[in-house]
PDB file of N, CA and C in Angstrom:
ATOM      1  N   UNK A   1       0.613  -1.129   0.238  1.00  0.00           N
ATOM      2  CA  UNK A   1       0.026  -0.023   0.019  1.00  0.00           C
ATOM      3  C   UNK A   1       1.267   1.291  -0.170  1.00  0.00           C
ATOM      4  N   UNK A   2       1.559   1.186   0.844  1.00  0.00           N
ATOM      5  CA  UNK A   2       2.540   2.512   0.935  1.00  0.00           C
ATOM      6  C   UNK A   2       3.712   2.767  -0.193  1.00  0.00           C
ATOM      7  N   UNK A   3       4.182   1.110  -0.872  1.00  0.00           N
ATOM      8  CA  UNK A   3       4.570   1.517  -1.922  1.00  0.00           C
ATOM      9  C   UNK A   3       4.356   1.766  -3.389  1.00  0.00           C
ATOM     10  N   UNK A   4       2.783   1.865  -3.481  1.00  0.00           N
ATOM     11  CA  UNK A   4       1.934   2.178  -4.521  1.00  0.00           C
ATOM     12  C   UNK A   4       0.813   2.470  -4.619  1.00  0.00           C
ATOM     13  N   UNK A   5       0.861   3.557  -3.934  1.00  0.00           N
ATOM     14  CA  UNK A   5      -0.578   3.818  -2.995  1.00  0.00           C
ATOM     15  C   UNK A   5      -1.483   4.597  -4.069  1.00  0.00           C
ATOM     16  N   UNK A   6      -1.120   4.810  -5.663  1.00  0.00           N
ATOM     17  CA  UNK A   6      -1.934   5.065  -6.105  1.00  0.00           C
ATOM     18  C   UNK A   6      -3.156   3.992  -6.604  1.00  0.00           C
ATOM     19  N   UNK A   7      -2.424   2.685  -6.314  1.00  0.00           N
ATOM     20  CA  UNK A   7      -3.159   1.468  -6.266  1.00  0.00           C
ATOM     21  C   UNK A   7      -4.285   1.466  -5.243  1.00  0.00           C
ATOM     22  N   UNK A   8      -4.083   2.088  -4.277  1.00  0.00           N
ATOM     23  CA  UNK A   8      -5.574   2.257  -3.528  1.00  0.00           C
ATOM     24  C   UNK A   8      -6.024   3.608  -3.363  1.00  0.00           C
ATOM     25  N   UNK A   9      -6.954   3.846  -4.538  1.00  0.00           N
ATOM     26  CA  UNK A   9      -7.619   5.083  -4.347  1.00  0.00           C
ATOM     27  C   UNK A   9      -8.626   5.146  -3.439  1.00  0.00           C
ATOM     28  N   UNK A  10      -8.312   5.928  -2.318  1.00  0.00           N
ATOM     29  CA  UNK A  10      -9.571   6.312  -1.203  1.00  0.00           C
ATOM     30  C   UNK A  10      -9.927   7.684  -1.018  1.00  0.00           C
ATOM     31  N   UNK A  11     -10.755   7.715  -0.754  1.00  0.00           N
ATOM     32  CA  UNK A  11     -11.015   9.121  -0.085  1.00  0.00           C
ATOM     33  C   UNK A  11      -9.764   9.660   1.186  1.00  0.00           C
ATOM     34  N   UNK A  12      -9.265  11.123   0.925  1.00  0.00           N
ATOM     35  CA  UNK A  12      -8.218  11.593   1.872  1.00  0.00           C
ATOM     36  C   UNK A  12      -8.917  10.942   3.423  1.00  0.00           C
ATOM     37  N   UNK A  13      -9.852  10.965   3.971  1.00  0.00           N
ATOM     38  CA  UNK A  13      -9.809  10.933   5.061  1.00  0.00           C
ATOM     39  C   UNK A  13     -10.037   9.227   5.373  1.00  0.00           C
ATOM     40  N   UNK A  14     -10.303   8.567   4.522  1.00  0.00           N
ATOM     41  CA  UNK A  14     -10.080   6.621   4.633  1.00  0.00           C
ATOM     42  C   UNK A  14      -8.595   6.319   4.730  1.00  0.00           C
ATOM     43  N   UNK A  15      -7.405   7.657   4.708  1.00  0.00           N
ATOM     44  CA  UNK A  15      -6.382   7.128   5.032  1.00  0.00           C
ATOM     45  C   UNK A  15      -6.099   7.261   6.414  1.00  0.00           C
ATOM     46  N   UNK A  16      -6.881   7.901   7.598  1.00  0.00           N
ATOM     47  CA  UNK A  16      -7.449   7.476   8.884  1.00  0.00           C
ATOM     48  C   UNK A  16      -7.902   6.153   9.404  1.00  0.00           C
ATOM     49  N   UNK A  17      -8.778   5.526   8.488  1.00  0.00           N
ATOM     50  CA  UNK A  17      -9.704   4.536   8.576  1.00  0.00           C
ATOM     51  C   UNK A  17      -8.868   3.280   7.715  1.00  0.00           C
ATOM     52  N   UNK A  18      -8.782   2.927   6.737  1.00  0.00           N
ATOM     53  CA  UNK A  18      -7.923   1.605   6.156  1.00  0.00           C
ATOM     54  C   UNK A  18      -6.888   1.748   5.925  1.00  0.00           C
ATOM     55  N   UNK A  19      -6.225   2.561   5.573  1.00  0.00           N
ATOM     56  CA  UNK A  19      -4.400   2.325   5.327  1.00  0.00           C
ATOM     57  C   UNK A  19      -3.999   2.539   7.176  1.00  0.00           C
ATOM     58  N   UNK A  20      -4.740   3.211   7.965  1.00  0.00           N
ATOM     59  CA  UNK A  20      -3.893   2.946   9.313  1.00  0.00           C
ATOM     60  C   UNK A  20      -4.088   1.981  10.073  1.00  0.00           C
ATOM     61  N   UNK A  21      -5.372   1.061   9.551  1.00  0.00           N
ATOM     62  CA  UNK A  21      -5.947  -0.227  10.205  1.00  0.00           C
ATOM     63  C   UNK A  21      -5.217  -1.273   9.427  1.00  0.00           C
ATOM     64  N   UNK A  22      -4.557  -1.245   8.049  1.00  0.00           N
ATOM     65  CA  UNK A  22      -3.688  -1.897   7.389  1.00  0.00           C
ATOM     66  C   UNK A  22      -2.750  -1.985   7.896  1.00  0.00           C
ATOM     67  N   UNK A  23      -1.752  -0.414   8.404  1.00  0.00           N
ATOM     68  CA  UNK A  23      -0.633  -0.763   8.934  1.00  0.00           C
ATOM     69  C   UNK A  23      -0.009  -0.624  10.668  1.00  0.00           C
ATOM     70  N   UNK A  24      -1.434  -0.205  11.063  1.00  0.00           N
ATOM     71  CA  UNK A  24      -1.322  -0.139  12.288  1.00  0.00           C
ATOM     72  C   UNK A  24      -2.016  -1.111  13.184  1.00  0.00           C
ATOM     73  N   UNK A  25      -2.789  -1.800  12.775  1.00  0.00           N
ATOM     74  CA  UNK A  25      -4.236  -2.748  13.139  1.00  0.00           C
ATOM     75  C   UNK A  25      -4.813  -1.292  13.710  1.00  0.00           C
ATOM     76  N   UNK A  26      -5.091  -0.205  13.303  1.00  0.00           N
ATOM     77  CA  UNK A  26      -6.477   0.460  14.318  1.00  0.00           C
ATOM     78  C   UNK A  26      -6.843   1.584  13.155  1.00  0.00           C
ATOM     79  N   UNK A  27      -8.119   1.824  13.766  1.00  0.00           N
ATOM     80  CA  UNK A  27      -8.965   3.044  12.669  1.00  0.00           C
ATOM     81  C   UNK A  27      -9.357   3.717  13.391  1.00  0.00           C
ATOM     82  N   UNK A  28      -9.186   5.240  12.919  1.00  0.00           N
ATOM     83  CA  UNK A  28      -9.767   6.337  13.992  1.00  0.00           C
ATOM     84  C   UNK A  28     -11.327   6.379  13.969  1.00  0.00           C
ATOM     85  N   UNK A  29     -11.709   6.094  12.375  1.00  0.00           N
ATOM     86  CA  UNK A  29     -13.487   5.595  11.993  1.00  0.00           C
ATOM     87  C   UNK A  29     -13.723   4.648  13.171  1.00  0.00           C
ATOM     88  N   UNK A  30     -13.249   3.577  13.246  1.00  0.00           N
ATOM     89  CA  UNK A  30     -13.819   2.291  14.598  1.00  0.00           C
ATOM     90  C   UNK A  30     -13.195   2.867  15.709  1.00  0.00           C
ATOM     91  N   UNK A  31     -12.324   3.380  16.309  1.00  0.00           N
ATOM     92  CA  UNK A  31     -12.676   4.066  17.967  1.00  0.00           C
ATOM     93  C   UNK A  31     -12.407   5.480  17.833  1.00  0.00           C
ATOM     94  N   UNK A  32     -13.137   6.317  17.129  1.00  0.00           N
ATOM     95  CA  UNK A  32     -13.325   7.634  17.384  1.00  0.00           C
ATOM     96  C   UNK A  32     -13.849   8.429  16.696  1.00  0.00           C
ATOM     97  N   UNK A  33     -15.197   7.616  16.113  1.00  0.00           N
ATOM     98  CA  UNK A  33     -16.033   8.010  15.105  1.00  0.00           C
ATOM     99  C   UNK A  33     -16.368   9.542  14.519  1.00  0.00           C
ATOM    100  N   UNK A  34     -16.645  10.742  16.019  1.00  0.00           N
ATOM    101  CA  UNK A  34     -17.004  11.697  15.685  1.00  0.00           C
ATOM    102  C   UNK A  34     -15.351  12.429  15.315  1.00  0.00           C
ATOM    103  N   UNK A  35     -14.104  12.005  15.719  1.00  0.00           N
ATOM    104  CA  UNK A  35     -12.933  12.430  15.487  1.00  0.00           C
ATOM    105  C   UNK A  35     -12.575  12.119  13.583  1.00  0.00           C
ATOM    106  N   UNK A  36     -13.075  10.733  13.813  1.00  0.00           N
ATOM    107  CA  UNK A  36     -13.350  10.800  12.261  1.00  0.00           C
ATOM    108  C   UNK A  36     -14.066  11.769  11.285  1.00  0.00           C
ATOM    109  N   UNK A  37     -15.227  11.595  11.556  1.00  0.00           N
ATOM    110  CA  UNK A  37     -15.982  12.857  10.655  1.00  0.00           C
ATOM    111  C   UNK A  37     -15.551  14.397  10.875  1.00  0.00           C
ATOM    112  N   UNK A  38     -14.662  14.511  11.712  1.00  0.00           N
ATOM    113  CA  UNK A  38     -14.352  15.896  11.873  1.00  0.00           C
ATOM    114  C   UNK A  38     -13.292  15.686  11.249  1.00  0.00           C
ATOM    115  N   UNK A  39     -12.676  14.820  10.803  1.00  0.00           N
ATOM    116  CA  UNK A  39     -11.772  14.681   9.656  1.00  0.00           C
ATOM    117  C   UNK A  39     -11.792  14.616   8.400  1.00  0.00           C
ATOM    118  N   UNK A  40     -12.864  14.117   8.345  1.00  0.00           N
ATOM    119  CA  UNK A  40     -13.344  13.734   7.116  1.00  0.00           C
ATOM    120  C   UNK A  40     -14.460  15.510   6.366  1.00  0.00           C
ATOM    121  N   UNK A  41     -14.534  16.331   7.264  1.00  0.00           N
ATOM    122  CA  UNK A  41     -15.412  17.324   6.914  1.00  0.00           C
ATOM    123  C   UNK A  41     -14.041  17.858   6.823  1.00  0.00           C
ATOM    124  N   UNK A  42     -13.024  18.367   7.632  1.00  0.00           N
ATOM    125  CA  UNK A  42     -11.682  18.704   7.250  1.00  0.00           C
ATOM    126  C   UNK A  42     -11.566  18.470   5.444  1.00  0.00           C
ATOM    127  N   UNK A  43     -11.471  17.718   5.200  1.00  0.00           N
ATOM    128  CA  UNK A  43     -10.808  17.204   3.560  1.00  0.00           C
ATOM    129  C   UNK A  43     -12.212  17.972   2.856  1.00  0.00           C
ATOM    130  N   UNK A  44     -13.322  17.432   3.200  1.00  0.00           N
ATOM    131  CA  UNK A  44     -14.227  18.047   2.545  1.00  0.00           C
ATOM    132  C   UNK A  44     -14.076  19.789   1.833  1.00  0.00           C
ATOM    133  N   UNK A  45     -14.221  20.474   3.470  1.00  0.00           N
ATOM    134  CA  UNK A  45     -13.776  22.144   3.564  1.00  0.00           C
ATOM    135  C   UNK A  45     -12.677  22.507   2.258  1.00  0.00           C
ATOM    136  N   UNK A  46     -11.351  21.475   2.928  1.00  0.00           N
ATOM    137  CA  UNK A  46     -10.038  21.702   2.005  1.00  0.00           C
ATOM    138  C   UNK A  46     -10.313  21.750   0.547  1.00  0.00           C
ATOM    139  N   UNK A  47     -11.147  20.578   0.206  1.00  0.00           N
ATOM    140  CA  UNK A  47     -11.384  20.419  -1.149  1.00  0.00           C
ATOM    141  C   UNK A  47     -11.738  21.631  -1.930  1.00  0.00           C
ATOM    142  N   UNK A  48     -13.089  22.109  -0.848  1.00  0.00           N
ATOM    143  CA  UNK A  48     -13.904  23.138  -1.687  1.00  0.00           C
ATOM    144  C   UNK A  48     -12.797  24.465  -1.766  1.00  0.00           C
ATOM    145  N   UNK A  49     -12.111  24.691  -0.870  1.00  0.00           N
ATOM    146  CA  UNK A  49     -10.916  25.761  -0.981  1.00  0.00           C
ATOM    147  C   UNK A  49     -10.423  25.386  -1.862  1.00  0.00           C
ATOM    148  N   UNK A  50      -9.541  23.930  -2.221  1.00  0.00           N
ATOM    149  CA  UNK A  50      -8.789  24.786  -3.251  1.00  0.00           C
ATOM    150  C   UNK A  50      -9.549  24.145  -4.995  1.00  0.00           C
ATOM    151  N   UNK A  51     -10.668  23.660  -4.935  1.00  0.00           N
ATOM    152  CA  UNK A  51     -10.841  23.625  -6.274  1.00  0.00           C
ATOM    153  C   UNK A  51     -12.481  24.698  -6.496  1.00  0.00           C
ATOM    154  N   UNK A  52     -12.663  25.514  -5.586  1.00  0.00           N
ATOM    155  CA  UNK A  52     -13.815  26.494  -6.240  1.00  0.00           C
ATOM    156  C   UNK A  52     -13.690  27.847  -5.572  1.00  0.00           C
ATOM    157  N   UNK A  53     -12.075  27.388  -4.625  1.00  0.00           N
ATOM    158  CA  UNK A  53     -11.879  29.384  -4.119  1.00  0.00           C
ATOM    159  C   UNK A  53     -12.733  29.519  -2.911  1.00  0.00           C
ATOM    160  N   UNK A  54     -13.345  28.775  -2.354  1.00  0.00           N
ATOM    161  CA  UNK A  54     -14.126  29.035  -0.995  1.00  0.00           C
ATOM    162  C   UNK A  54     -13.884  29.480   0.053  1.00  0.00           C
ATOM    163  N   UNK A  55     -14.004  30.230   0.539  1.00  0.00           N
ATOM    164  CA  UNK A  55     -13.285  30.510   1.919  1.00  0.00           C
ATOM    165  C   UNK A  55     -13.561  30.506   3.291  1.00  0.00           C
ATOM    166  N   UNK A  56     -13.222  29.362   4.102  1.00  0.00           N
ATOM    167  CA  UNK A  56     -14.232  29.177   5.582  1.00  0.00           C
ATOM    168  C   UNK A  56     -14.056  30.690   6.472  1.00  0.00           C
ATOM    169  N   UNK A  57     -15.365  30.568   7.151  1.00  0.00           N
ATOM    170  CA  UNK A  57     -15.494  31.614   8.203  1.00  0.00           C
ATOM    171  C   UNK A  57     -13.772  31.262   9.266  1.00  0.00           C
ATOM    172  N   UNK A  58     -13.300  32.332   9.647  1.00  0.00           N
ATOM    173  CA  UNK A  58     -12.441  31.946  10.835  1.00  0.00           C
ATOM    174  C   UNK A  58     -12.640  31.370  12.171  1.00  0.00           C
ATOM    175  N   UNK A  59     -13.922  30.889  12.202  1.00  0.00           N
ATOM    176  CA  UNK A  59     -14.539  30.324  13.045  1.00  0.00           C
ATOM    177  C   UNK A  59     -14.569  28.688  12.608  1.00  0.00           C
ATOM    178  N   UNK A  60     -14.763  28.963  11.426  1.00  0.00           N
ATOM    179  CA  UNK A  60     -14.709  27.121  10.772  1.00  0.00           C
ATOM    180  C   UNK A  60     -13.034  26.919  10.935  1.00  0.00           C
ATOM    181  N   UNK A  61     -12.571  27.886  10.574  1.00  0.00           N
ATOM    182  CA  UNK A  61     -11.183  27.460   9.997  1.00  0.00           C
ATOM    183  C   UNK A  61     -10.318  27.057  11.517  1.00  0.00           C
ATOM    184  N   UNK A  62     -10.829  27.331  12.556  1.00  0.00           N
ATOM    185  CA  UNK A  62     -10.192  27.197  14.025  1.00  0.00           C
ATOM    186  C   UNK A  62     -10.815  26.160  13.887  1.00  0.00           C
ATOM    187  N   UNK A  63     -11.477  25.548  13.983  1.00  0.00           N
ATOM    188  CA  UNK A  63     -12.371  24.577  14.166  1.00  0.00           C
ATOM    189  C   UNK A  63     -11.522  23.490  13.343  1.00  0.00           C
ATOM    190  N   UNK A  64     -11.098  23.434  12.765  1.00  0.00           N
ATOM    191  CA  UNK A  64     -10.838  22.365  11.300  1.00  0.00           C
ATOM    192  C   UNK A  64      -9.230  22.204  11.441  1.00  0.00           C
ATOM    193  N   UNK A  65      -8.550  23.527  12.460  1.00  0.00           N
ATOM    194  CA  UNK A  65      -7.394  23.038  12.948  1.00  0.00           C
ATOM    195  C   UNK A  65      -7.163  22.291  13.976  1.00  0.00           C
ATOM    196  N   UNK A  66      -8.282  22.912  14.715  1.00  0.00           N
ATOM    197  CA  UNK A  66      -8.861  22.167  16.076  1.00  0.00           C
ATOM    198  C   UNK A  66      -8.802  20.348  15.514  1.00  0.00           C
ATOM    199  N   UNK A  67      -9.488  19.997  14.797  1.00  0.00           N
ATOM    200  CA  UNK A  67      -9.947  18.626  14.487  1.00  0.00           C
ATOM    201  C   UNK A  67      -8.738  17.886  14.013  1.00  0.00           C
ATOM    202  N   UNK A  68      -7.834  18.887  12.955  1.00  0.00           N
ATOM    203  CA  UNK A  68      -6.754  17.840  12.562  1.00  0.00           C
ATOM    204  C   UNK A  68      -5.713  17.959  13.655  1.00  0.00           C
ATOM    205  N   UNK A  69      -5.401  18.558  14.589  1.00  0.00           N
ATOM    206  CA  UNK A  69      -4.896  18.424  15.780  1.00  0.00           C
ATOM    207  C   UNK A  69      -5.262  17.501  16.516  1.00  0.00           C
ATOM    208  N   UNK A  70      -6.379  17.029  16.701  1.00  0.00           N
ATOM    209  CA  UNK A  70      -6.864  15.748  17.508  1.00  0.00           C
ATOM    210  C   UNK A  70      -6.350  15.059  16.878  1.00  0.00           C
ATOM    211  N   UNK A  71      -6.890  14.798  15.407  1.00  0.00           N
ATOM    212  CA  UNK A  71      -6.505  13.556  14.782  1.00  0.00           C
ATOM    213  C   UNK A  71      -4.772  13.164  14.678  1.00  0.00           C
ATOM    214  N   UNK A  72      -4.369  14.224  14.454  1.00  0.00           N
ATOM    215  CA  UNK A  72      -2.538  13.900  14.840  1.00  0.00           C
ATOM    216  C   UNK A  72      -2.040  13.549  16.129  1.00  0.00           C
ATOM    217  N   UNK A  73      -3.143  13.940  17.411  1.00  0.00           N
ATOM    218  CA  UNK A  73      -2.446  13.105  18.922  1.00  0.00           C
ATOM    219  C   UNK A  73      -3.350  11.902  18.747  1.00  0.00           C
ATOM    220  N   UNK A  74      -3.916  11.528  17.846  1.00  0.00           N
ATOM    221  CA  UNK A  74      -4.649  10.207  17.844  1.00  0.00           C
ATOM    222  C   UNK A  74      -3.407   9.081  16.672  1.00  0.00           C
ATOM    223  N   UNK A  75      -3.466   9.806  15.671  1.00  0.00           N
ATOM    224  CA  UNK A  75      -2.408   9.245  15.235  1.00  0.00           C
ATOM    225  C   UNK A  75      -0.953   8.814  15.873  1.00  0.00           C
ATOM    226  N   UNK A  76      -0.382   9.834  16.793  1.00  0.00           N
ATOM    227  CA  UNK A  76       0.525   9.692  17.097  1.00  0.00           C
ATOM    228  C   UNK A  76       0.541   8.344  18.609  1.00  0.00           C
ATOM    229  N   UNK A  77      -0.439   8.638  19.071  1.00  0.00           N
ATOM    230  CA  UNK A  77      -0.930   7.963  19.966  1.00  0.00           C
ATOM    231  C   UNK A  77      -0.403   5.962  19.167  1.00  0.00           C
ATOM    232  N   UNK A  78      -1.287   6.121  17.907  1.00  0.00           N
ATOM    233  CA  UNK A  78      -1.694   4.736  17.770  1.00  0.00           C
ATOM    234  C   UNK A  78      -0.290   4.332  17.204  1.00  0.00           C
ATOM    235  N   UNK A  79       0.919   5.300  16.635  1.00  0.00           N
ATOM    236  CA  UNK A  79       2.221   4.776  16.364  1.00  0.00           C
ATOM    237  C   UNK A  79       3.059   4.620  17.613  1.00  0.00           C
ATOM    238  N   UNK A  80       2.866   4.788  18.242  1.00  0.00           N
ATOM    239  CA  UNK A  80       3.527   4.215  19.763  1.00  0.00           C
ATOM    240  C   UNK A  80       2.762   3.281  20.243  1.00  0.00           C
ATOM    241  N   UNK A  81       2.019   2.991  20.089  1.00  0.00           N
ATOM    242  CA  UNK A  81       1.583   1.977  20.765  1.00  0.00           C
ATOM    243  C   UNK A  81       1.940   0.669  19.742  1.00  0.00           C
ATOM    244  N   UNK A  82       1.864   0.827  18.105  1.00  0.00           N
ATOM    245  CA  UNK A  82       2.180   0.069  17.305  1.00  0.00           C
ATOM    246  C   UNK A  82       3.536  -0.487  17.200  1.00  0.00           C
ATOM    247  N   UNK A  83       4.962   0.517  18.305  1.00  0.00           N
ATOM    248  CA  UNK A  83       6.390   0.161  18.782  1.00  0.00           C
ATOM    249  C   UNK A  83       6.352  -0.860  19.678  1.00  0.00           C
ATOM    250  N   UNK A  84       5.335  -0.931  20.858  1.00  0.00           N
ATOM    251  CA  UNK A  84       5.933  -1.839  22.100  1.00  0.00           C
ATOM    252  C   UNK A  84       4.989  -3.003  21.836  1.00  0.00           C
TER     253      UNK A  84
END
């Protein structure tokens, strides 16, 4: 999967589901569905910005940055746990 990522086309948020499950044996979607949904929303808004030039409100942008932070905290813990 890591060697040939184009063979695994998925929405970006799925990287926190199927990809982490395959690599780490853990899925944010299965463990923390609310956080996973927030990550999915983050990528949806990212696509609206990148492809349509839409600008989120300051509050929405702050919320999305917080969503990303929480997801990366989960990922850091998952990575640490996989090394033990």
